[in-house]
Amino acid sequence: MAYFILRLANNTRKKLERLLQSARNKGDLAIAKKILTIFAVVEGHGYDLISEILKVSEESIRLWIRDFLLKGPEGLILLSAS
């Protein structure tokens, strides 16, 4: 479960939306899941629910959030092998 509140600036939200659309167009499920995870955390959903819905581990979610917080949206793409 997340113990913090994550908010997105409008420009960051728009960038994530563009990246999500691009990932969907390319069929890149890994990046799409990472971006959907960020949106779910912003909406206040817990890691347990996100994990169940997206069929990923809670550890992956923690790592993706960390990458996003440290490197921004690019961190989700650069480390897509995670």
PDB file of N, CA and C in Angstrom:
ATOM      1  N   MET A   1       0.840  -1.181   0.000  1.00  0.00           N
ATOM      2  CA  MET A   1       0.000   0.000   0.000  1.00  0.00           C
ATOM      3  C   MET A   1       0.883   1.242   0.000  1.00  0.00           C
ATOM      4  N   ALA A   2       0.479   2.241  -0.763  1.00  0.00           N
ATOM      5  CA  ALA A   2       1.222   3.490  -0.823  1.00  0.00           C
ATOM      6  C   ALA A   2       0.975   4.284   0.450  1.00  0.00           C
ATOM      7  N   TYR A   3       2.025   4.860   0.974  1.00  0.00           N
ATOM      8  CA  TYR A   3       1.915   5.670   2.185  1.00  0.00           C
ATOM      9  C   TYR A   3       2.178   7.133   1.884  1.00  0.00           C
ATOM     10  N   PHE A   4       1.963   7.525   0.668  1.00  0.00           N
ATOM     11  CA  PHE A   4       2.189   8.911   0.271  1.00  0.00           C
ATOM     12  C   PHE A   4       1.150   9.290  -0.782  1.00  0.00           C
ATOM     13  N   ILE A   5       1.040  10.577  -1.007  1.00  0.00           N
ATOM     14  CA  ILE A   5       0.138  11.080  -2.040  1.00  0.00           C
ATOM     15  C   ILE A   5       1.003  11.572  -3.191  1.00  0.00           C
ATOM     16  N   LEU A   6       0.724  11.090  -4.368  1.00  0.00           N
ATOM     17  CA  LEU A   6       1.464  11.484  -5.556  1.00  0.00           C
ATOM     18  C   LEU A   6       0.572  12.379  -6.400  1.00  0.00           C
ATOM     19  N   ARG A   7       1.068  13.532  -6.714  1.00  0.00           N
ATOM     20  CA  ARG A   7       0.352  14.475  -7.577  1.00  0.00           C
ATOM     21  C   ARG A   7       1.191  14.707  -8.829  1.00  0.00           C
ATOM     22  N   LEU A   8       0.520  14.956  -9.929  1.00  0.00           N
ATOM     23  CA  LEU A   8       1.208  15.213 -11.193  1.00  0.00           C
ATOM     24  C   LEU A   8       0.954  16.642 -11.651  1.00  0.00           C
ATOM     25  N   ALA A   9       2.004  17.296 -12.100  1.00  0.00           N
ATOM     26  CA  ALA A   9       1.846  18.592 -12.758  1.00  0.00           C
ATOM     27  C   ALA A   9       1.146  18.339 -14.094  1.00  0.00           C
ATOM     28  N   ASN A  10       0.439  19.329 -14.589  1.00  0.00           N
ATOM     29  CA  ASN A  10      -0.301  19.165 -15.846  1.00  0.00           C
ATOM     30  C   ASN A  10       0.598  18.735 -16.994  1.00  0.00           C
ATOM     31  N   ASN A  11       1.792  19.334 -17.091  1.00  0.00           N
ATOM     32  CA  ASN A  11       2.685  18.969 -18.194  1.00  0.00           C
ATOM     33  C   ASN A  11       3.180  17.532 -18.055  1.00  0.00           C
ATOM     34  N   THR A  12       3.385  17.060 -16.830  1.00  0.00           N
ATOM     35  CA  THR A  12       3.804  15.679 -16.618  1.00  0.00           C
ATOM     36  C   THR A  12       2.673  14.719 -16.963  1.00  0.00           C
ATOM     37  N   ARG A  13       1.454  15.064 -16.561  1.00  0.00           N
ATOM     38  CA  ARG A  13       0.296  14.228 -16.883  1.00  0.00           C
ATOM     39  C   ARG A  13       0.130  14.109 -18.396  1.00  0.00           C
ATOM     40  N   LYS A  14       0.258  15.228 -19.100  1.00  0.00           N
ATOM     41  CA  LYS A  14       0.112  15.216 -20.553  1.00  0.00           C
ATOM     42  C   LYS A  14       1.207  14.389 -21.219  1.00  0.00           C
ATOM     43  N   LYS A  15       2.428  14.493 -20.692  1.00  0.00           N
ATOM     44  CA  LYS A  15       3.517  13.693 -21.246  1.00  0.00           C
ATOM     45  C   LYS A  15       3.251  12.206 -21.041  1.00  0.00           C
ATOM     46  N   LEU A  16       2.789  11.837 -19.843  1.00  0.00           N
ATOM     47  CA  LEU A  16       2.460  10.436 -19.579  1.00  0.00           C
ATOM     48  C   LEU A  16       1.328   9.953 -20.480  1.00  0.00           C
ATOM     49  N   GLU A  17       0.333  10.797 -20.716  1.00  0.00           N
ATOM     50  CA  GLU A  17      -0.772  10.418 -21.605  1.00  0.00           C
ATOM     51  C   GLU A  17      -0.267  10.181 -23.023  1.00  0.00           C
ATOM     52  N   ARG A  18       0.646  11.035 -23.505  1.00  0.00           N
ATOM     53  CA  ARG A  18       1.231  10.847 -24.846  1.00  0.00           C
ATOM     54  C   ARG A  18       2.049   9.561 -24.910  1.00  0.00           C
ATOM     55  N   LEU A  19       2.849   9.323 -23.863  1.00  0.00           N
ATOM     56  CA  LEU A  19       3.655   8.104 -23.826  1.00  0.00           C
ATOM     57  C   LEU A  19       2.778   6.853 -23.774  1.00  0.00           C
ATOM     58  N   LEU A  20       1.670   6.930 -23.036  1.00  0.00           N
ATOM     59  CA  LEU A  20       0.749   5.803 -22.956  1.00  0.00           C
ATOM     60  C   LEU A  20       0.126   5.528 -24.321  1.00  0.00           C
ATOM     61  N   GLN A  21      -0.279   6.568 -25.007  1.00  0.00           N
ATOM     62  CA  GLN A  21      -0.865   6.390 -26.339  1.00  0.00           C
ATOM     63  C   GLN A  21       0.153   5.783 -27.300  1.00  0.00           C
ATOM     64  N   SER A  22       1.386   6.256 -27.215  1.00  0.00           N
ATOM     65  CA  SER A  22       2.451   5.716 -28.064  1.00  0.00           C
ATOM     66  C   SER A  22       2.704   4.240 -27.744  1.00  0.00           C
ATOM     67  N   ALA A  23       2.742   3.899 -26.460  1.00  0.00           N
ATOM     68  CA  ALA A  23       2.952   2.504 -26.058  1.00  0.00           C
ATOM     69  C   ALA A  23       1.814   1.622 -26.563  1.00  0.00           C
ATOM     70  N   ARG A  24       0.597   2.114 -26.467  1.00  0.00           N
ATOM     71  CA  ARG A  24      -0.551   1.349 -26.964  1.00  0.00           C
ATOM     72  C   ARG A  24      -0.456   1.148 -28.464  1.00  0.00           C
ATOM     73  N   ASN A  25      -0.089   2.206 -29.192  1.00  0.00           N
ATOM     74  CA  ASN A  25       0.037   2.107 -30.648  1.00  0.00           C
ATOM     75  C   ASN A  25       1.104   1.110 -31.058  1.00  0.00           C
ATOM     76  N   LYS A  26       2.184   1.038 -30.276  1.00  0.00           N
ATOM     77  CA  LYS A  26       3.287   0.124 -30.580  1.00  0.00           C
ATOM     78  C   LYS A  26       3.060  -1.270 -30.005  1.00  0.00           C
ATOM     79  N   GLY A  27       2.040  -1.410 -29.178  1.00  0.00           N
ATOM     80  CA  GLY A  27       1.799  -2.699 -28.537  1.00  0.00           C
ATOM     81  C   GLY A  27       2.791  -3.003 -27.424  1.00  0.00           C
ATOM     82  N   ASP A  28       3.352  -1.954 -26.820  1.00  0.00           N
ATOM     83  CA  ASP A  28       4.350  -2.109 -25.761  1.00  0.00           C
ATOM     84  C   ASP A  28       3.641  -2.201 -24.410  1.00  0.00           C
ATOM     85  N   LEU A  29       3.283  -3.413 -24.054  1.00  0.00           N
ATOM     86  CA  LEU A  29       2.519  -3.658 -22.830  1.00  0.00           C
ATOM     87  C   LEU A  29       3.303  -3.284 -21.571  1.00  0.00           C
ATOM     88  N   ALA A  30       4.613  -3.503 -21.571  1.00  0.00           N
ATOM     89  CA  ALA A  30       5.435  -3.214 -20.392  1.00  0.00           C
ATOM     90  C   ALA A  30       5.386  -1.735 -20.032  1.00  0.00           C
ATOM     91  N   ILE A  31       5.587  -0.876 -21.011  1.00  0.00           N
ATOM     92  CA  ILE A  31       5.560   0.561 -20.735  1.00  0.00           C
ATOM     93  C   ILE A  31       4.145   1.011 -20.398  1.00  0.00           C
ATOM     94  N   ALA A  32       3.156   0.480 -21.080  1.00  0.00           N
ATOM     95  CA  ALA A  32       1.765   0.832 -20.776  1.00  0.00           C
ATOM     96  C   ALA A  32       1.430   0.499 -19.326  1.00  0.00           C
ATOM     97  N   LYS A  33       1.853  -0.658 -18.844  1.00  0.00           N
ATOM     98  CA  LYS A  33       1.581  -1.039 -17.450  1.00  0.00           C
ATOM     99  C   LYS A  33       2.262  -0.088 -16.473  1.00  0.00           C
ATOM    100  N   LYS A  34       3.476   0.323 -16.780  1.00  0.00           N
ATOM    101  CA  LYS A  34       4.192   1.255 -15.902  1.00  0.00           C
ATOM    102  C   LYS A  34       3.451   2.588 -15.803  1.00  0.00           C
ATOM    103  N   ILE A  35       3.008   3.091 -16.935  1.00  0.00           N
ATOM    104  CA  ILE A  35       2.309   4.379 -16.941  1.00  0.00           C
ATOM    105  C   ILE A  35       0.951   4.250 -16.254  1.00  0.00           C
ATOM    106  N   LEU A  36       0.236   3.172 -16.516  1.00  0.00           N
ATOM    107  CA  LEU A  36      -1.047   2.949 -15.844  1.00  0.00           C
ATOM    108  C   LEU A  36      -0.863   2.834 -14.338  1.00  0.00           C
ATOM    109  N   THR A  37       0.258   2.269 -13.922  1.00  0.00           N
ATOM    110  CA  THR A  37       0.568   2.189 -12.498  1.00  0.00           C
ATOM    111  C   THR A  37       0.694   3.577 -11.894  1.00  0.00           C
ATOM    112  N   ILE A  38       1.399   4.466 -12.566  1.00  0.00           N
ATOM    113  CA  ILE A  38       1.550   5.840 -12.054  1.00  0.00           C
ATOM    114  C   ILE A  38       0.187   6.498 -11.920  1.00  0.00           C
ATOM    115  N   PHE A  39      -0.653   6.379 -12.948  1.00  0.00           N
ATOM    116  CA  PHE A  39      -1.986   6.980 -12.877  1.00  0.00           C
ATOM    117  C   PHE A  39      -2.804   6.379 -11.737  1.00  0.00           C
ATOM    118  N   ALA A  40      -2.694   5.090 -11.512  1.00  0.00           N
ATOM    119  CA  ALA A  40      -3.452   4.439 -10.441  1.00  0.00           C
ATOM    120  C   ALA A  40      -2.996   4.928  -9.066  1.00  0.00           C
ATOM    121  N   VAL A  41      -1.687   5.098  -8.890  1.00  0.00           N
ATOM    122  CA  VAL A  41      -1.171   5.604  -7.611  1.00  0.00           C
ATOM    123  C   VAL A  41      -1.645   7.040  -7.394  1.00  0.00           C
ATOM    124  N   VAL A  42      -1.622   7.835  -8.449  1.00  0.00           N
ATOM    125  CA  VAL A  42      -2.100   9.223  -8.347  1.00  0.00           C
ATOM    126  C   VAL A  42      -3.568   9.241  -7.899  1.00  0.00           C
ATOM    127  N   GLU A  43      -4.344   8.277  -8.371  1.00  0.00           N
ATOM    128  CA  GLU A  43      -5.757   8.201  -7.992  1.00  0.00           C
ATOM    129  C   GLU A  43      -5.950   7.634  -6.590  1.00  0.00           C
ATOM    130  N   GLY A  44      -4.864   7.208  -5.945  1.00  0.00           N
ATOM    131  CA  GLY A  44      -4.949   6.750  -4.576  1.00  0.00           C
ATOM    132  C   GLY A  44      -5.149   5.261  -4.382  1.00  0.00           C
ATOM    133  N   HIS A  45      -5.000   4.485  -5.443  1.00  0.00           N
ATOM    134  CA  HIS A  45      -5.160   3.037  -5.329  1.00  0.00           C
ATOM    135  C   HIS A  45      -3.927   2.423  -4.683  1.00  0.00           C
ATOM    136  N   GLY A  46      -4.143   1.376  -3.902  1.00  0.00           N
ATOM    137  CA  GLY A  46      -3.058   0.686  -3.231  1.00  0.00           C
ATOM    138  C   GLY A  46      -2.315  -0.250  -4.166  1.00  0.00           C
ATOM    139  N   TYR A  47      -1.083  -0.559  -3.791  1.00  0.00           N
ATOM    140  CA  TYR A  47      -0.254  -1.444  -4.599  1.00  0.00           C
ATOM    141  C   TYR A  47      -0.889  -2.818  -4.752  1.00  0.00           C
ATOM    142  N   ASP A  48      -1.578  -3.278  -3.721  1.00  0.00           N
ATOM    143  CA  ASP A  48      -2.193  -4.606  -3.795  1.00  0.00           C
ATOM    144  C   ASP A  48      -3.239  -4.678  -4.891  1.00  0.00           C
ATOM    145  N   LEU A  49      -4.070  -3.650  -5.002  1.00  0.00           N
ATOM    146  CA  LEU A  49      -5.097  -3.615  -6.046  1.00  0.00           C
ATOM    147  C   LEU A  49      -4.473  -3.463  -7.430  1.00  0.00           C
ATOM    148  N   ILE A  50      -3.504  -2.567  -7.540  1.00  0.00           N
ATOM    149  CA  ILE A  50      -2.831  -2.351  -8.826  1.00  0.00           C
ATOM    150  C   ILE A  50      -2.174  -3.651  -9.292  1.00  0.00           C
ATOM    151  N   SER A  51      -1.514  -4.317  -8.358  1.00  0.00           N
ATOM    152  CA  SER A  51      -0.847  -5.581  -8.655  1.00  0.00           C
ATOM    153  C   SER A  51      -1.828  -6.615  -9.185  1.00  0.00           C
ATOM    154  N   GLU A  52      -2.971  -6.706  -8.541  1.00  0.00           N
ATOM    155  CA  GLU A  52      -3.988  -7.679  -8.945  1.00  0.00           C
ATOM    156  C   GLU A  52      -4.551  -7.366 -10.326  1.00  0.00           C
ATOM    157  N   ILE A  53      -4.846  -6.108 -10.581  1.00  0.00           N
ATOM    158  CA  ILE A  53      -5.458  -5.717 -11.854  1.00  0.00           C
ATOM    159  C   ILE A  53      -4.478  -5.841 -13.018  1.00  0.00           C
ATOM    160  N   LEU A  54      -3.243  -5.359 -12.825  1.00  0.00           N
ATOM    161  CA  LEU A  54      -2.270  -5.364 -13.919  1.00  0.00           C
ATOM    162  C   LEU A  54      -1.441  -6.641 -13.997  1.00  0.00           C
ATOM    163  N   LYS A  55      -1.650  -7.538 -13.026  1.00  0.00           N
ATOM    164  CA  LYS A  55      -0.923  -8.815 -13.009  1.00  0.00           C
ATOM    165  C   LYS A  55       0.591  -8.601 -12.969  1.00  0.00           C
ATOM    166  N   VAL A  56       1.017  -7.742 -12.041  1.00  0.00           N
ATOM    167  CA  VAL A  56       2.435  -7.487 -11.798  1.00  0.00           C
ATOM    168  C   VAL A  56       2.677  -7.592 -10.294  1.00  0.00           C
ATOM    169  N   SER A  57       3.923  -7.739  -9.905  1.00  0.00           N
ATOM    170  CA  SER A  57       4.236  -7.845  -8.480  1.00  0.00           C
ATOM    171  C   SER A  57       4.238  -6.459  -7.827  1.00  0.00           C
ATOM    172  N   GLU A  58       3.996  -6.450  -6.532  1.00  0.00           N
ATOM    173  CA  GLU A  58       4.059  -5.189  -5.791  1.00  0.00           C
ATOM    174  C   GLU A  58       5.482  -4.640  -5.802  1.00  0.00           C
ATOM    175  N   GLU A  59       6.480  -5.518  -5.851  1.00  0.00           N
ATOM    176  CA  GLU A  59       7.869  -5.064  -5.927  1.00  0.00           C
ATOM    177  C   GLU A  59       8.115  -4.317  -7.239  1.00  0.00           C
ATOM    178  N   SER A  60       7.556  -4.812  -8.340  1.00  0.00           N
ATOM    179  CA  SER A  60       7.688  -4.100  -9.617  1.00  0.00           C
ATOM    180  C   SER A  60       7.062  -2.719  -9.518  1.00  0.00           C
ATOM    181  N   ILE A  61       5.909  -2.638  -8.883  1.00  0.00           N
ATOM    182  CA  ILE A  61       5.239  -1.342  -8.712  1.00  0.00           C
ATOM    183  C   ILE A  61       6.131  -0.394  -7.925  1.00  0.00           C
ATOM    184  N   ARG A  62       6.715  -0.865  -6.831  1.00  0.00           N
ATOM    185  CA  ARG A  62       7.615  -0.016  -6.028  1.00  0.00           C
ATOM    186  C   ARG A  62       8.799   0.468  -6.857  1.00  0.00           C
ATOM    187  N   LEU A  63       9.355  -0.413  -7.662  1.00  0.00           N
ATOM    188  CA  LEU A  63      10.497  -0.033  -8.495  1.00  0.00           C
ATOM    189  C   LEU A  63      10.095   0.989  -9.560  1.00  0.00           C
ATOM    190  N   TRP A  64       8.935   0.796 -10.164  1.00  0.00           N
ATOM    191  CA  TRP A  64       8.468   1.748 -11.186  1.00  0.00           C
ATOM    192  C   TRP A  64       8.197   3.118 -10.584  1.00  0.00           C
ATOM    193  N   ILE A  65       7.603   3.149  -9.404  1.00  0.00           N
ATOM    194  CA  ILE A  65       7.353   4.425  -8.729  1.00  0.00           C
ATOM    195  C   ILE A  65       8.682   5.102  -8.416  1.00  0.00           C
ATOM    196  N   ARG A  66       9.634   4.326  -7.911  1.00  0.00           N
ATOM    197  CA  ARG A  66      10.964   4.870  -7.621  1.00  0.00           C
ATOM    198  C   ARG A  66      11.589   5.462  -8.880  1.00  0.00           C
ATOM    199  N   ASP A  67      11.560   4.709  -9.980  1.00  0.00           N
ATOM    200  CA  ASP A  67      12.136   5.196 -11.233  1.00  0.00           C
ATOM    201  C   ASP A  67      11.460   6.482 -11.691  1.00  0.00           C
ATOM    202  N   PHE A  68      10.140   6.535 -11.551  1.00  0.00           N
ATOM    203  CA  PHE A  68       9.399   7.726 -11.950  1.00  0.00           C
ATOM    204  C   PHE A  68       9.764   8.918 -11.071  1.00  0.00           C
ATOM    205  N   LEU A  69       9.844   8.704  -9.759  1.00  0.00           N
ATOM    206  CA  LEU A  69      10.171   9.797  -8.849  1.00  0.00           C
ATOM    207  C   LEU A  69      11.591  10.316  -9.067  1.00  0.00           C
ATOM    208  N   LEU A  70      12.513   9.432  -9.395  1.00  0.00           N
ATOM    209  CA  LEU A  70      13.905   9.839  -9.587  1.00  0.00           C
ATOM    210  C   LEU A  70      14.192  10.425 -10.959  1.00  0.00           C
ATOM    211  N   LYS A  71      13.510   9.905 -11.997  1.00  0.00           N
ATOM    212  CA  LYS A  71      13.872  10.281 -13.366  1.00  0.00           C
ATOM    213  C   LYS A  71      12.722  10.825 -14.196  1.00  0.00           C
ATOM    214  N   GLY A  72      11.537  10.894 -13.609  1.00  0.00           N
ATOM    215  CA  GLY A  72      10.390  11.376 -14.364  1.00  0.00           C
ATOM    216  C   GLY A  72       9.886  10.342 -15.351  1.00  0.00           C
ATOM    217  N   PRO A  73       9.026  10.753 -16.273  1.00  0.00           N
ATOM    218  CA  PRO A  73       8.455   9.829 -17.249  1.00  0.00           C
ATOM    219  C   PRO A  73       9.502   9.048 -18.034  1.00  0.00           C
ATOM    220  N   GLU A  74      10.644   9.680 -18.298  1.00  0.00           N
ATOM    221  CA  GLU A  74      11.689   8.996 -19.054  1.00  0.00           C
ATOM    222  C   GLU A  74      12.210   7.782 -18.317  1.00  0.00           C
ATOM    223  N   GLY A  75      12.177   7.801 -16.990  1.00  0.00           N
ATOM    224  CA  GLY A  75      12.630   6.666 -16.198  1.00  0.00           C
ATOM    225  C   GLY A  75      11.798   5.408 -16.444  1.00  0.00           C
ATOM    226  N   LEU A  76      10.555   5.583 -16.850  1.00  0.00           N
ATOM    227  CA  LEU A  76       9.697   4.442 -17.135  1.00  0.00           C
ATOM    228  C   LEU A  76      10.048   3.806 -18.473  1.00  0.00           C
ATOM    229  N   ILE A  77      10.577   4.608 -19.366  1.00  0.00           N
ATOM    230  CA  ILE A  77      10.921   4.116 -20.702  1.00  0.00           C
ATOM    231  C   ILE A  77      12.349   3.582 -20.733  1.00  0.00           C
ATOM    232  N   LEU A  78      13.268   4.325 -20.139  1.00  0.00           N
ATOM    233  CA  LEU A  78      14.673   3.932 -20.180  1.00  0.00           C
ATOM    234  C   LEU A  78      14.904   2.599 -19.492  1.00  0.00           C
ATOM    235  N   LEU A  79      14.096   2.302 -18.496  1.00  0.00           N
ATOM    236  CA  LEU A  79      14.288   1.077 -17.733  1.00  0.00           C
ATOM    237  C   LEU A  79      13.161   0.088 -18.022  1.00  0.00           C
ATOM    238  N   SER A  80      12.726   0.024 -19.263  1.00  0.00           N
ATOM    239  CA  SER A  80      11.569  -0.804 -19.608  1.00  0.00           C
ATOM    240  C   SER A  80      11.810  -2.291 -19.424  1.00  0.00           C
ATOM    241  N   ALA A  81      13.047  -2.698 -19.223  1.00  0.00           N
ATOM    242  CA  ALA A  81      13.326  -4.117 -18.979  1.00  0.00           C
ATOM    243  C   ALA A  81      12.961  -4.521 -17.542  1.00  0.00           C
ATOM    244  N   SER A  82      12.689  -3.539 -16.670  1.00  0.00           N
ATOM    245  CA  SER A  82      12.362  -3.825 -15.266  1.00  0.00           C
ATOM    246  C   SER A  82      11.053  -4.548 -15.127  1.00  0.00           C
TER     247      SER A  82
END
